[in-house]
């Protein structure tokens, strides 16, 4: 019986492709900020690598904060209910805020966070997502900065996981549909 190695999982975007696109997004955010300060809010856990890399390409006085939500549990499908597990540590009123997310899928999480953050009256609120999966959208929401648009595929790596595994892969890979759960 042959075993499947993670190295056998097809690469959708290589680390070099990701690095190039993240640099381009950082330059775009820098231009849009026009010298103003920024609060980058990473959505844990998946966005951590993207936030770290993106921040190094943004030429601005930037601080980090993090939120944690849950909508997936340990499976491949969203439960449909978003729960806030960790809130912001600092107020964002009057500040330029960039929500940094690994993947914009159904839109439930980002819609929830956008509504929550807008109640705090930030100066501006934008969204950066590494991956956008518009075919799965349930909520009407778009990101301001998109790394790559992808079809309805289950991906792992570069922060994205399957049941907390594979986040550390440097490339974004396709999770085989027949992979044992």
C-alpha atoms as a PDB file:
ATOM      1  CA  UNK A   1       0.000   0.000   0.000  1.00  0.00           C
ATOM      2  CA  UNK A   2       1.530   3.309  -1.120  1.00  0.00           C
ATOM      3  CA  UNK A   3       1.491   6.277   1.226  1.00  0.00           C
ATOM      4  CA  UNK A   4       0.998   9.798   0.011  1.00  0.00           C
ATOM      5  CA  UNK A   5       3.557  12.407   1.021  1.00  0.00           C
ATOM      6  CA  UNK A   6       2.714  16.092   1.270  1.00  0.00           C
ATOM      7  CA  UNK A   7       5.362  16.544  -1.431  1.00  0.00           C
ATOM      8  CA  UNK A   8       3.013  14.672  -3.752  1.00  0.00           C
ATOM      9  CA  UNK A   9       0.317  17.336  -3.277  1.00  0.00           C
ATOM     10  CA  UNK A  10       0.147  19.550  -6.365  1.00  0.00           C
ATOM     11  CA  UNK A  11       1.575  23.066  -5.965  1.00  0.00           C
ATOM     12  CA  UNK A  12      -0.963  25.742  -6.874  1.00  0.00           C
ATOM     13  CA  UNK A  13       1.348  28.706  -6.090  1.00  0.00           C
ATOM     14  CA  UNK A  14       5.044  28.362  -5.378  1.00  0.00           C
ATOM     15  CA  UNK A  15       6.843  30.266  -2.628  1.00  0.00           C
ATOM     16  CA  UNK A  16       8.415  32.462  -5.349  1.00  0.00           C
ATOM     17  CA  UNK A  17       5.043  33.302  -6.909  1.00  0.00           C
ATOM     18  CA  UNK A  18       3.657  34.104  -3.453  1.00  0.00           C
ATOM     19  CA  UNK A  19       6.648  36.295  -2.561  1.00  0.00           C
ATOM     20  CA  UNK A  20       6.351  38.282  -5.786  1.00  0.00           C
ATOM     21  CA  UNK A  21       2.611  38.838  -5.390  1.00  0.00           C
ATOM     22  CA  UNK A  22       2.912  39.793  -1.704  1.00  0.00           C
ATOM     23  CA  UNK A  23       5.574  42.387  -2.621  1.00  0.00           C
ATOM     24  CA  UNK A  24       3.210  43.843  -5.236  1.00  0.00           C
ATOM     25  CA  UNK A  25       0.375  44.030  -2.702  1.00  0.00           C
ATOM     26  CA  UNK A  26       2.659  45.718  -0.174  1.00  0.00           C
ATOM     27  CA  UNK A  27       3.586  48.376  -2.721  1.00  0.00           C
ATOM     28  CA  UNK A  28      -0.113  48.927  -3.497  1.00  0.00           C
ATOM     29  CA  UNK A  29      -0.988  49.321   0.208  1.00  0.00           C
ATOM     30  CA  UNK A  30       1.947  51.744   0.638  1.00  0.00           C
ATOM     31  CA  UNK A  31       0.684  53.907  -2.241  1.00  0.00           C
ATOM     32  CA  UNK A  32      -2.867  53.907  -0.892  1.00  0.00           C
ATOM     33  CA  UNK A  33      -1.731  54.904   2.631  1.00  0.00           C
ATOM     34  CA  UNK A  34       0.061  57.962   1.298  1.00  0.00           C
ATOM     35  CA  UNK A  35       2.353  58.173   4.339  1.00  0.00           C
ATOM     36  CA  UNK A  36      -0.312  57.580   6.985  1.00  0.00           C
ATOM     37  CA  UNK A  37      -0.055  55.103   9.867  1.00  0.00           C
ATOM     38  CA  UNK A  38      -1.636  51.650   9.662  1.00  0.00           C
ATOM     39  CA  UNK A  39      -2.994  49.007  12.007  1.00  0.00           C
ATOM     40  CA  UNK A  40      -2.708  45.560  10.439  1.00  0.00           C
ATOM     41  CA  UNK A  41      -5.193  43.098  11.951  1.00  0.00           C
ATOM     42  CA  UNK A  42      -4.327  39.481  11.252  1.00  0.00           C
ATOM     43  CA  UNK A  43      -7.041  36.865  11.398  1.00  0.00           C
ATOM     44  CA  UNK A  44      -5.489  33.976  13.316  1.00  0.00           C
ATOM     45  CA  UNK A  45      -4.168  31.501  12.659  1.00  0.00           C
ATOM     46  CA  UNK A  46      -4.048  31.252   8.895  1.00  0.00           C
ATOM     47  CA  UNK A  47      -3.132  34.853   8.061  1.00  0.00           C
ATOM     48  CA  UNK A  48      -0.004  34.979  10.249  1.00  0.00           C
ATOM     49  CA  UNK A  49       2.534  34.147   7.486  1.00  0.00           C
ATOM     50  CA  UNK A  50       0.805  36.478   5.007  1.00  0.00           C
ATOM     51  CA  UNK A  51       0.655  39.340   7.528  1.00  0.00           C
ATOM     52  CA  UNK A  52       4.339  38.933   8.404  1.00  0.00           C
ATOM     53  CA  UNK A  53       5.457  38.911   4.778  1.00  0.00           C
ATOM     54  CA  UNK A  54       3.067  41.665   3.679  1.00  0.00           C
ATOM     55  CA  UNK A  55       4.138  43.960   6.518  1.00  0.00           C
ATOM     56  CA  UNK A  56       7.749  43.837   5.364  1.00  0.00           C
ATOM     57  CA  UNK A  57       6.657  45.290   2.007  1.00  0.00           C
ATOM     58  CA  UNK A  58       4.549  48.120   3.417  1.00  0.00           C
ATOM     59  CA  UNK A  59       6.495  51.335   3.843  1.00  0.00           C
ATOM     60  CA  UNK A  60       4.523  52.894   6.673  1.00  0.00           C
ATOM     61  CA  UNK A  61       4.412  53.145  10.430  1.00  0.00           C
ATOM     62  CA  UNK A  62       2.450  49.935  11.006  1.00  0.00           C
ATOM     63  CA  UNK A  63       1.368  48.123  14.136  1.00  0.00           C
ATOM     64  CA  UNK A  64      -0.093  44.636  14.461  1.00  0.00           C
ATOM     65  CA  UNK A  65      -3.136  43.337  16.244  1.00  0.00           C
ATOM     66  CA  UNK A  66      -4.850  39.981  15.925  1.00  0.00           C
ATOM     67  CA  UNK A  67      -8.303  38.492  16.132  1.00  0.00           C
ATOM     68  CA  UNK A  68      -9.300  34.858  16.140  1.00  0.00           C
ATOM     69  CA  UNK A  69     -12.543  33.500  14.816  1.00  0.00           C
ATOM     70  CA  UNK A  70     -13.933  30.055  14.280  1.00  0.00           C
ATOM     71  CA  UNK A  71     -16.231  28.819  11.555  1.00  0.00           C
ATOM     72  CA  UNK A  72     -14.609  25.609  10.322  1.00  0.00           C
ATOM     73  CA  UNK A  73     -13.860  23.404  13.301  1.00  0.00           C
ATOM     74  CA  UNK A  74     -11.753  20.522  12.032  1.00  0.00           C
ATOM     75  CA  UNK A  75     -13.394  19.816   8.684  1.00  0.00           C
ATOM     76  CA  UNK A  76     -13.410  21.059   5.118  1.00  0.00           C
ATOM     77  CA  UNK A  77     -16.769  22.870   5.283  1.00  0.00           C
ATOM     78  CA  UNK A  78     -17.656  26.063   7.115  1.00  0.00           C
ATOM     79  CA  UNK A  79     -20.200  25.604   9.877  1.00  0.00           C
ATOM     80  CA  UNK A  80     -21.821  28.868   8.771  1.00  0.00           C
ATOM     81  CA  UNK A  81     -21.629  30.411  12.248  1.00  0.00           C
ATOM     82  CA  UNK A  82     -18.730  32.754  13.050  1.00  0.00           C
ATOM     83  CA  UNK A  83     -17.540  33.006  16.631  1.00  0.00           C
ATOM     84  CA  UNK A  84     -15.070  35.599  17.914  1.00  0.00           C
ATOM     85  CA  UNK A  85     -12.495  33.754  19.993  1.00  0.00           C
ATOM     86  CA  UNK A  86      -9.972  36.594  20.455  1.00  0.00           C
ATOM     87  CA  UNK A  87     -10.841  40.283  20.102  1.00  0.00           C
ATOM     88  CA  UNK A  88      -8.556  43.222  19.338  1.00  0.00           C
ATOM     89  CA  UNK A  89      -6.132  44.244  22.075  1.00  0.00           C
ATOM     90  CA  UNK A  90      -6.284  47.969  21.232  1.00  0.00           C
ATOM     91  CA  UNK A  91      -8.982  50.402  20.051  1.00  0.00           C
ATOM     92  CA  UNK A  92      -9.056  51.228  16.321  1.00  0.00           C
ATOM     93  CA  UNK A  93     -11.178  54.376  16.410  1.00  0.00           C
ATOM     94  CA  UNK A  94      -9.811  56.995  14.014  1.00  0.00           C
ATOM     95  CA  UNK A  95      -7.130  54.656  12.632  1.00  0.00           C
ATOM     96  CA  UNK A  96      -6.431  53.193   9.201  1.00  0.00           C
ATOM     97  CA  UNK A  97      -7.115  49.486   9.560  1.00  0.00           C
ATOM     98  CA  UNK A  98      -6.180  46.672   7.206  1.00  0.00           C
ATOM     99  CA  UNK A  99      -7.761  43.299   7.936  1.00  0.00           C
ATOM    100  CA  UNK A 100      -5.341  40.624   6.713  1.00  0.00           C
ATOM    101  CA  UNK A 101      -6.893  37.251   5.906  1.00  0.00           C
ATOM    102  CA  UNK A 102      -5.504  34.107   4.305  1.00  0.00           C
ATOM    103  CA  UNK A 103      -8.544  33.271   2.182  1.00  0.00           C
ATOM    104  CA  UNK A 104     -11.824  34.988   1.358  1.00  0.00           C
ATOM    105  CA  UNK A 105     -14.196  32.086   0.859  1.00  0.00           C
ATOM    106  CA  UNK A 106     -17.855  32.300   1.899  1.00  0.00           C
ATOM    107  CA  UNK A 107     -17.344  35.842   3.176  1.00  0.00           C
ATOM    108  CA  UNK A 108     -18.989  35.039   6.495  1.00  0.00           C
ATOM    109  CA  UNK A 109     -15.896  35.718   8.627  1.00  0.00           C
ATOM    110  CA  UNK A 110     -14.868  38.927   6.888  1.00  0.00           C
ATOM    111  CA  UNK A 111     -18.439  40.269   6.817  1.00  0.00           C
ATOM    112  CA  UNK A 112     -18.678  39.609  10.532  1.00  0.00           C
ATOM    113  CA  UNK A 113     -15.343  41.301  11.229  1.00  0.00           C
ATOM    114  CA  UNK A 114     -16.095  44.274   8.959  1.00  0.00           C
ATOM    115  CA  UNK A 115     -19.377  44.955  10.787  1.00  0.00           C
ATOM    116  CA  UNK A 116     -17.679  44.545  14.177  1.00  0.00           C
ATOM    117  CA  UNK A 117     -14.788  46.877  13.289  1.00  0.00           C
ATOM    118  CA  UNK A 118     -16.944  49.548  11.609  1.00  0.00           C
ATOM    119  CA  UNK A 119     -18.801  49.937  14.924  1.00  0.00           C
ATOM    120  CA  UNK A 120     -15.489  51.189  16.367  1.00  0.00           C
ATOM    121  CA  UNK A 121     -15.313  54.012  13.782  1.00  0.00           C
ATOM    122  CA  UNK A 122     -11.903  53.509  12.158  1.00  0.00           C
ATOM    123  CA  UNK A 123     -10.659  56.252   9.805  1.00  0.00           C
ATOM    124  CA  UNK A 124     -10.520  53.646   7.028  1.00  0.00           C
ATOM    125  CA  UNK A 125     -11.106  49.908   6.867  1.00  0.00           C
ATOM    126  CA  UNK A 126      -9.690  47.788   4.065  1.00  0.00           C
ATOM    127  CA  UNK A 127      -9.282  44.064   3.518  1.00  0.00           C
ATOM    128  CA  UNK A 128      -6.295  42.181   2.140  1.00  0.00           C
ATOM    129  CA  UNK A 129      -6.635  38.505   1.320  1.00  0.00           C
ATOM    130  CA  UNK A 130      -4.024  36.235  -0.149  1.00  0.00           C
ATOM    131  CA  UNK A 131      -6.610  34.039  -1.860  1.00  0.00           C
ATOM    132  CA  UNK A 132     -10.071  34.901  -3.089  1.00  0.00           C
ATOM    133  CA  UNK A 133     -12.580  32.152  -3.847  1.00  0.00           C
ATOM    134  CA  UNK A 134     -15.549  34.104  -5.289  1.00  0.00           C
ATOM    135  CA  UNK A 135     -17.496  31.019  -6.376  1.00  0.00           C
ATOM    136  CA  UNK A 136     -18.145  30.153  -2.709  1.00  0.00           C
ATOM    137  CA  UNK A 137     -19.345  33.591  -1.591  1.00  0.00           C
ATOM    138  CA  UNK A 138     -22.437  33.614   0.608  1.00  0.00           C
ATOM    139  CA  UNK A 139     -22.044  37.202   1.850  1.00  0.00           C
ATOM    140  CA  UNK A 140     -21.588  40.150  -0.493  1.00  0.00           C
ATOM    141  CA  UNK A 141     -18.058  41.269   0.347  1.00  0.00           C
ATOM    142  CA  UNK A 142     -14.958  41.992  -1.689  1.00  0.00           C
ATOM    143  CA  UNK A 143     -11.352  42.489  -0.647  1.00  0.00           C
ATOM    144  CA  UNK A 144      -9.473  45.671  -1.494  1.00  0.00           C
ATOM    145  CA  UNK A 145      -6.252  43.749  -2.056  1.00  0.00           C
ATOM    146  CA  UNK A 146      -6.254  40.242  -3.544  1.00  0.00           C
ATOM    147  CA  UNK A 147      -3.235  38.034  -4.020  1.00  0.00           C
ATOM    148  CA  UNK A 148      -4.769  35.382  -6.259  1.00  0.00           C
ATOM    149  CA  UNK A 149      -8.305  34.424  -7.285  1.00  0.00           C
ATOM    150  CA  UNK A 150      -8.849  30.676  -7.266  1.00  0.00           C
ATOM    151  CA  UNK A 151     -11.657  28.282  -8.178  1.00  0.00           C
ATOM    152  CA  UNK A 152     -13.388  26.165  -5.541  1.00  0.00           C
ATOM    153  CA  UNK A 153     -10.360  24.136  -4.434  1.00  0.00           C
ATOM    154  CA  UNK A 154      -9.296  23.077  -0.953  1.00  0.00           C
ATOM    155  CA  UNK A 155      -5.814  24.473  -0.382  1.00  0.00           C
ATOM    156  CA  UNK A 156      -3.199  24.064   2.318  1.00  0.00           C
ATOM    157  CA  UNK A 157       0.127  25.673   3.125  1.00  0.00           C
ATOM    158  CA  UNK A 158       1.392  29.213   3.752  1.00  0.00           C
ATOM    159  CA  UNK A 159      -0.809  29.420   6.845  1.00  0.00           C
ATOM    160  CA  UNK A 160      -3.796  27.496   5.522  1.00  0.00           C
ATOM    161  CA  UNK A 161      -4.503  24.204   7.164  1.00  0.00           C
ATOM    162  CA  UNK A 162      -6.465  21.039   7.229  1.00  0.00           C
ATOM    163  CA  UNK A 163      -7.362  20.224  10.852  1.00  0.00           C
ATOM    164  CA  UNK A 164      -4.384  22.346  12.011  1.00  0.00           C
ATOM    165  CA  UNK A 165      -1.913  20.474   9.771  1.00  0.00           C
ATOM    166  CA  UNK A 166       0.187  21.771   6.845  1.00  0.00           C
ATOM    167  CA  UNK A 167       0.222  25.482   7.842  1.00  0.00           C
ATOM    168  CA  UNK A 168       4.020  25.472   7.691  1.00  0.00           C
ATOM    169  CA  UNK A 169       4.311  24.531   4.023  1.00  0.00           C
ATOM    170  CA  UNK A 170       6.021  27.363   2.096  1.00  0.00           C
ATOM    171  CA  UNK A 171       3.916  26.786  -1.043  1.00  0.00           C
ATOM    172  CA  UNK A 172       0.155  26.732  -1.476  1.00  0.00           C
ATOM    173  CA  UNK A 173      -0.820  23.199  -2.411  1.00  0.00           C
ATOM    174  CA  UNK A 174      -4.008  21.422  -3.386  1.00  0.00           C
ATOM    175  CA  UNK A 175      -5.424  19.043  -0.834  1.00  0.00           C
ATOM    176  CA  UNK A 176      -6.334  15.854  -2.687  1.00  0.00           C
ATOM    177  CA  UNK A 177     -10.077  15.154  -2.436  1.00  0.00           C
ATOM    178  CA  UNK A 178      -9.314  11.534  -1.555  1.00  0.00           C
ATOM    179  CA  UNK A 179      -6.905  12.413   1.277  1.00  0.00           C
ATOM    180  CA  UNK A 180      -7.947  10.483   4.408  1.00  0.00           C
ATOM    181  CA  UNK A 181      -9.650  12.635   7.002  1.00  0.00           C
END
